[in-house]
Amino acid sequence: MASMKSILRSVFALALMWTFSPSDTAQITSETPVPFDWTGSCKAEGPVFADKRGKPVWLDTGALVKRAIHCVAPTMPAMARQARIEGQVTVNILVDRKGQVACAHLIQGHPLLAASAIEAAKEWTFRPMEQSGKSVSFYGHLSLRFSTSLTEQDENPCTVAHW
């Protein structure tokens, strides 16, 4: 029951506080869209990339793609394919000081697509980030698209699942 309350609190906070990038250009946002509890397995070990005020900086999908040294596209789940479900799935990630995804959480998206998006996000690796000469962890919003249509000309193959 406690975890259900936590989920409902996050969903409510998401509805109140969600911000997103209106374009696909790489942006860095300083505000956290949801007040996540990054304790336990999602707690950063050591310093986190932050702005001048000390607030964690969140990278959007475009910035994450530019930092990626290895990416894995999500796969279209069989049930979603049969039901012809498509759409966007957003996953928040915590990247550790070595560039590995330490934690990934679903933010929004269809439940049949969620597991595939989270699994793909966990396989990404990034160039480590430095701040003040030290390696730091960083947060990001990774948006992955699931589509039943043909490949679009300008899409990044790492962020789209086709069937």
C-alpha atoms as a PDB file:
ATOM      1  CA  MET A   1       0.000   0.000   0.000  1.00  0.00           C
ATOM      2  CA  ALA A   2       2.872   2.370   0.776  1.00  0.00           C
ATOM      3  CA  SER A   3       4.333   1.911  -2.723  1.00  0.00           C
ATOM      4  CA  MET A   4       0.935   2.661  -4.280  1.00  0.00           C
ATOM      5  CA  LYS A   5       0.772   5.922  -2.317  1.00  0.00           C
ATOM      6  CA  SER A   6       4.259   6.787  -3.538  1.00  0.00           C
ATOM      7  CA  ILE A   7       3.251   6.106  -7.146  1.00  0.00           C
ATOM      8  CA  LEU A   8       0.084   8.184  -6.804  1.00  0.00           C
ATOM      9  CA  ARG A   9       2.079  11.046  -5.257  1.00  0.00           C
ATOM     10  CA  SER A  10       4.504  10.930  -8.180  1.00  0.00           C
ATOM     11  CA  VAL A  11       1.702  10.864 -10.750  1.00  0.00           C
ATOM     12  CA  PHE A  12      -0.003  13.805  -9.047  1.00  0.00           C
ATOM     13  CA  ALA A  13       3.265  15.729  -8.894  1.00  0.00           C
ATOM     14  CA  LEU A  14       3.887  14.916 -12.539  1.00  0.00           C
ATOM     15  CA  ALA A  15       0.514  16.335 -13.503  1.00  0.00           C
ATOM     16  CA  LEU A  16       1.272  19.534 -11.606  1.00  0.00           C
ATOM     17  CA  MET A  17       4.905  20.069 -12.453  1.00  0.00           C
ATOM     18  CA  TRP A  18       5.721  18.430 -15.792  1.00  0.00           C
ATOM     19  CA  THR A  19       7.760  20.483 -18.235  1.00  0.00           C
ATOM     20  CA  PHE A  20       9.055  19.314 -21.571  1.00  0.00           C
ATOM     21  CA  SER A  21      11.146  20.476 -24.469  1.00  0.00           C
ATOM     22  CA  PRO A  22       8.959  21.718 -27.366  1.00  0.00           C
ATOM     23  CA  SER A  23      11.563  20.700 -29.936  1.00  0.00           C
ATOM     24  CA  ASP A  24      14.022  17.905 -30.548  1.00  0.00           C
ATOM     25  CA  THR A  25      17.029  20.182 -30.071  1.00  0.00           C
ATOM     26  CA  ALA A  26      19.440  19.311 -27.310  1.00  0.00           C
ATOM     27  CA  GLN A  27      18.620  21.180 -24.151  1.00  0.00           C
ATOM     28  CA  ILE A  28      19.704  21.053 -20.591  1.00  0.00           C
ATOM     29  CA  THR A  29      17.070  21.826 -18.029  1.00  0.00           C
ATOM     30  CA  SER A  30      17.803  22.679 -14.442  1.00  0.00           C
ATOM     31  CA  GLU A  31      14.430  21.944 -12.919  1.00  0.00           C
ATOM     32  CA  THR A  32      13.430  18.445 -11.930  1.00  0.00           C
ATOM     33  CA  PRO A  33       9.944  17.706 -13.324  1.00  0.00           C
ATOM     34  CA  VAL A  34       9.022  15.312 -10.522  1.00  0.00           C
ATOM     35  CA  PRO A  35      10.304  15.306  -6.933  1.00  0.00           C
ATOM     36  CA  PHE A  36      11.649  11.768  -7.060  1.00  0.00           C
ATOM     37  CA  ASP A  37      12.976   9.966  -4.057  1.00  0.00           C
ATOM     38  CA  TRP A  38      16.357   8.795  -5.386  1.00  0.00           C
ATOM     39  CA  THR A  39      17.188   6.808  -2.270  1.00  0.00           C
ATOM     40  CA  GLY A  40      18.368   3.255  -2.205  1.00  0.00           C
ATOM     41  CA  SER A  41      19.438   1.975  -5.594  1.00  0.00           C
ATOM     42  CA  CYS A  42      18.831   5.353  -7.271  1.00  0.00           C
ATOM     43  CA  LYS A  43      21.017   7.436  -5.029  1.00  0.00           C
ATOM     44  CA  ALA A  44      24.020   8.903  -6.796  1.00  0.00           C
ATOM     45  CA  GLU A  45      27.349   7.902  -5.311  1.00  0.00           C
ATOM     46  CA  GLY A  46      29.329  11.098  -5.056  1.00  0.00           C
ATOM     47  CA  PRO A  47      28.671  14.464  -6.671  1.00  0.00           C
ATOM     48  CA  VAL A  48      25.957  15.095  -9.278  1.00  0.00           C
ATOM     49  CA  PHE A  49      26.195  17.518 -12.220  1.00  0.00           C
ATOM     50  CA  ALA A  50      24.643  20.719 -10.885  1.00  0.00           C
ATOM     51  CA  ASP A  51      24.062  24.353 -11.788  1.00  0.00           C
ATOM     52  CA  LYS A  52      25.676  27.300  -9.978  1.00  0.00           C
ATOM     53  CA  ARG A  53      23.009  27.134  -7.259  1.00  0.00           C
ATOM     54  CA  GLY A  54      23.773  23.482  -6.575  1.00  0.00           C
ATOM     55  CA  LYS A  55      20.551  22.128  -8.123  1.00  0.00           C
ATOM     56  CA  PRO A  56      20.917  18.951 -10.212  1.00  0.00           C
ATOM     57  CA  VAL A  57      20.895  19.580 -13.956  1.00  0.00           C
ATOM     58  CA  TRP A  58      18.745  17.289 -16.113  1.00  0.00           C
ATOM     59  CA  LEU A  59      19.726  16.498 -19.705  1.00  0.00           C
ATOM     60  CA  ASP A  60      16.981  16.061 -22.294  1.00  0.00           C
ATOM     61  CA  THR A  61      16.940  13.320 -24.945  1.00  0.00           C
ATOM     62  CA  GLY A  62      18.917  15.339 -27.484  1.00  0.00           C
ATOM     63  CA  ALA A  63      21.716  16.041 -25.008  1.00  0.00           C
ATOM     64  CA  LEU A  64      21.732  12.393 -23.896  1.00  0.00           C
ATOM     65  CA  VAL A  65      22.014  11.156 -27.486  1.00  0.00           C
ATOM     66  CA  LYS A  66      25.002  13.470 -28.018  1.00  0.00           C
ATOM     67  CA  ARG A  67      26.732  12.104 -24.881  1.00  0.00           C
ATOM     68  CA  ALA A  68      25.936   8.452 -25.695  1.00  0.00           C
ATOM     69  CA  ILE A  69      28.766   6.151 -26.712  1.00  0.00           C
ATOM     70  CA  HIS A  70      26.476   3.125 -26.935  1.00  0.00           C
ATOM     71  CA  CYS A  71      22.715   3.097 -27.292  1.00  0.00           C
ATOM     72  CA  VAL A  72      20.110   0.391 -27.628  1.00  0.00           C
ATOM     73  CA  ALA A  73      16.806   1.014 -29.358  1.00  0.00           C
ATOM     74  CA  PRO A  74      13.734  -0.339 -27.613  1.00  0.00           C
ATOM     75  CA  THR A  75      12.005  -3.322 -29.169  1.00  0.00           C
ATOM     76  CA  MET A  76       8.311  -3.372 -29.974  1.00  0.00           C
ATOM     77  CA  PRO A  77       6.677  -5.836 -27.539  1.00  0.00           C
ATOM     78  CA  ALA A  78       4.612  -8.547 -29.223  1.00  0.00           C
ATOM     79  CA  MET A  79       1.422  -7.589 -27.345  1.00  0.00           C
ATOM     80  CA  ALA A  80       1.830  -3.942 -28.339  1.00  0.00           C
ATOM     81  CA  ARG A  81       2.431  -4.986 -31.947  1.00  0.00           C
ATOM     82  CA  GLN A  82      -0.736  -7.091 -31.986  1.00  0.00           C
ATOM     83  CA  ALA A  83      -2.773  -4.264 -30.476  1.00  0.00           C
ATOM     84  CA  ARG A  84      -1.046  -1.712 -32.785  1.00  0.00           C
ATOM     85  CA  ILE A  85      -0.088   0.417 -29.793  1.00  0.00           C
ATOM     86  CA  GLU A  86       2.345   3.200 -30.453  1.00  0.00           C
ATOM     87  CA  GLY A  87       3.448   6.307 -28.632  1.00  0.00           C
ATOM     88  CA  GLN A  88       6.100   8.061 -26.604  1.00  0.00           C
ATOM     89  CA  VAL A  89       7.598   6.645 -23.412  1.00  0.00           C
ATOM     90  CA  THR A  90       9.684   8.843 -21.114  1.00  0.00           C
ATOM     91  CA  VAL A  91      12.201   7.303 -18.741  1.00  0.00           C
ATOM     92  CA  ASN A  92      14.232   9.240 -16.186  1.00  0.00           C
ATOM     93  CA  ILE A  93      17.752   7.922 -15.786  1.00  0.00           C
ATOM     94  CA  LEU A  94      20.619   8.366 -13.373  1.00  0.00           C
ATOM     95  CA  VAL A  95      24.021   7.925 -15.013  1.00  0.00           C
ATOM     96  CA  ASP A  96      26.911   7.114 -12.694  1.00  0.00           C
ATOM     97  CA  ARG A  97      30.403   8.636 -12.778  1.00  0.00           C
ATOM     98  CA  LYS A  98      31.616   5.895 -15.150  1.00  0.00           C
ATOM     99  CA  GLY A  99      28.860   6.582 -17.701  1.00  0.00           C
ATOM    100  CA  GLN A 100      26.669   3.557 -16.893  1.00  0.00           C
ATOM    101  CA  VAL A 101      22.929   3.881 -16.297  1.00  0.00           C
ATOM    102  CA  ALA A 102      22.588   3.207 -12.585  1.00  0.00           C
ATOM    103  CA  CYS A 103      18.841   3.622 -12.403  1.00  0.00           C
ATOM    104  CA  ALA A 104      15.883   4.026 -14.782  1.00  0.00           C
ATOM    105  CA  HIS A 105      12.263   4.888 -13.900  1.00  0.00           C
ATOM    106  CA  LEU A 106       9.190   5.191 -16.081  1.00  0.00           C
ATOM    107  CA  ILE A 107       7.724   8.688 -16.104  1.00  0.00           C
ATOM    108  CA  GLN A 108       5.041   8.391 -18.737  1.00  0.00           C
ATOM    109  CA  GLY A 109       3.957   6.019 -21.449  1.00  0.00           C
ATOM    110  CA  HIS A 110       1.729   3.071 -22.240  1.00  0.00           C
ATOM    111  CA  PRO A 111       2.134   0.171 -19.777  1.00  0.00           C
ATOM    112  CA  LEU A 112       2.696  -2.345 -22.600  1.00  0.00           C
ATOM    113  CA  LEU A 113       5.658  -0.293 -23.840  1.00  0.00           C
ATOM    114  CA  ALA A 114       7.185   0.588 -20.466  1.00  0.00           C
ATOM    115  CA  ALA A 115       9.304  -2.517 -19.799  1.00  0.00           C
ATOM    116  CA  SER A 116      10.924  -2.403 -23.228  1.00  0.00           C
ATOM    117  CA  ALA A 117      11.776   1.291 -22.805  1.00  0.00           C
ATOM    118  CA  ILE A 118      13.300   0.759 -19.357  1.00  0.00           C
ATOM    119  CA  GLU A 119      15.322  -2.263 -20.534  1.00  0.00           C
ATOM    120  CA  ALA A 120      16.683  -0.304 -23.500  1.00  0.00           C
ATOM    121  CA  ALA A 121      17.554   2.721 -21.336  1.00  0.00           C
ATOM    122  CA  LYS A 122      19.542   0.542 -18.929  1.00  0.00           C
ATOM    123  CA  GLU A 123      21.749  -0.634 -21.814  1.00  0.00           C
ATOM    124  CA  TRP A 124      22.892   2.862 -22.822  1.00  0.00           C
ATOM    125  CA  THR A 125      26.381   4.076 -21.886  1.00  0.00           C
ATOM    126  CA  PHE A 126      27.637   7.649 -21.913  1.00  0.00           C
ATOM    127  CA  ARG A 127      30.832   9.649 -21.940  1.00  0.00           C
ATOM    128  CA  PRO A 128      31.507  10.403 -18.284  1.00  0.00           C
ATOM    129  CA  MET A 129      30.709  13.952 -17.218  1.00  0.00           C
ATOM    130  CA  GLU A 130      33.098  16.192 -15.325  1.00  0.00           C
ATOM    131  CA  GLN A 131      32.480  19.266 -13.253  1.00  0.00           C
ATOM    132  CA  SER A 132      35.237  21.213 -11.488  1.00  0.00           C
ATOM    133  CA  GLY A 133      37.733  18.587 -12.626  1.00  0.00           C
ATOM    134  CA  LYS A 134      35.896  15.671 -10.990  1.00  0.00           C
ATOM    135  CA  SER A 135      33.755  12.907 -12.485  1.00  0.00           C
ATOM    136  CA  VAL A 136      30.096  13.390 -11.595  1.00  0.00           C
ATOM    137  CA  SER A 137      26.855  11.488 -12.024  1.00  0.00           C
ATOM    138  CA  PHE A 138      24.035  13.099 -13.997  1.00  0.00           C
ATOM    139  CA  TYR A 139      20.286  12.840 -14.546  1.00  0.00           C
ATOM    140  CA  GLY A 140      18.401  12.705 -17.822  1.00  0.00           C
ATOM    141  CA  HIS A 141      14.969  12.455 -19.410  1.00  0.00           C
ATOM    142  CA  LEU A 142      15.095   9.848 -22.182  1.00  0.00           C
ATOM    143  CA  SER A 143      12.116   9.847 -24.558  1.00  0.00           C
ATOM    144  CA  LEU A 144      11.684   6.739 -26.679  1.00  0.00           C
ATOM    145  CA  ARG A 145       9.110   6.390 -29.450  1.00  0.00           C
ATOM    146  CA  PHE A 146       7.260   3.252 -30.474  1.00  0.00           C
ATOM    147  CA  SER A 147       5.862   3.400 -33.985  1.00  0.00           C
ATOM    148  CA  THR A 148       3.891   1.179 -36.326  1.00  0.00           C
ATOM    149  CA  SER A 149       4.823   3.372 -39.316  1.00  0.00           C
ATOM    150  CA  LEU A 150       7.885   3.386 -41.530  1.00  0.00           C
ATOM    151  CA  THR A 151      11.167   4.915 -40.429  1.00  0.00           C
ATOM    152  CA  GLU A 152      11.156   8.704 -40.611  1.00  0.00           C
ATOM    153  CA  GLN A 153      14.056  10.462 -42.292  1.00  0.00           C
ATOM    154  CA  ASP A 154      15.262  12.527 -39.322  1.00  0.00           C
ATOM    155  CA  GLU A 155      14.711  10.059 -36.467  1.00  0.00           C
ATOM    156  CA  ASN A 156      17.515   8.688 -34.350  1.00  0.00           C
ATOM    157  CA  PRO A 157      17.524   4.864 -34.601  1.00  0.00           C
ATOM    158  CA  CYS A 158      18.466   4.618 -30.914  1.00  0.00           C
ATOM    159  CA  THR A 159      15.273   6.273 -29.760  1.00  0.00           C
ATOM    160  CA  VAL A 160      12.640   4.548 -31.920  1.00  0.00           C
ATOM    161  CA  ALA A 161      11.149   1.060 -32.040  1.00  0.00           C
ATOM    162  CA  HIS A 162       9.471  -0.016 -35.283  1.00  0.00           C
ATOM    163  CA  TRP A 163       7.821  -3.249 -36.139  1.00  0.00           C
END
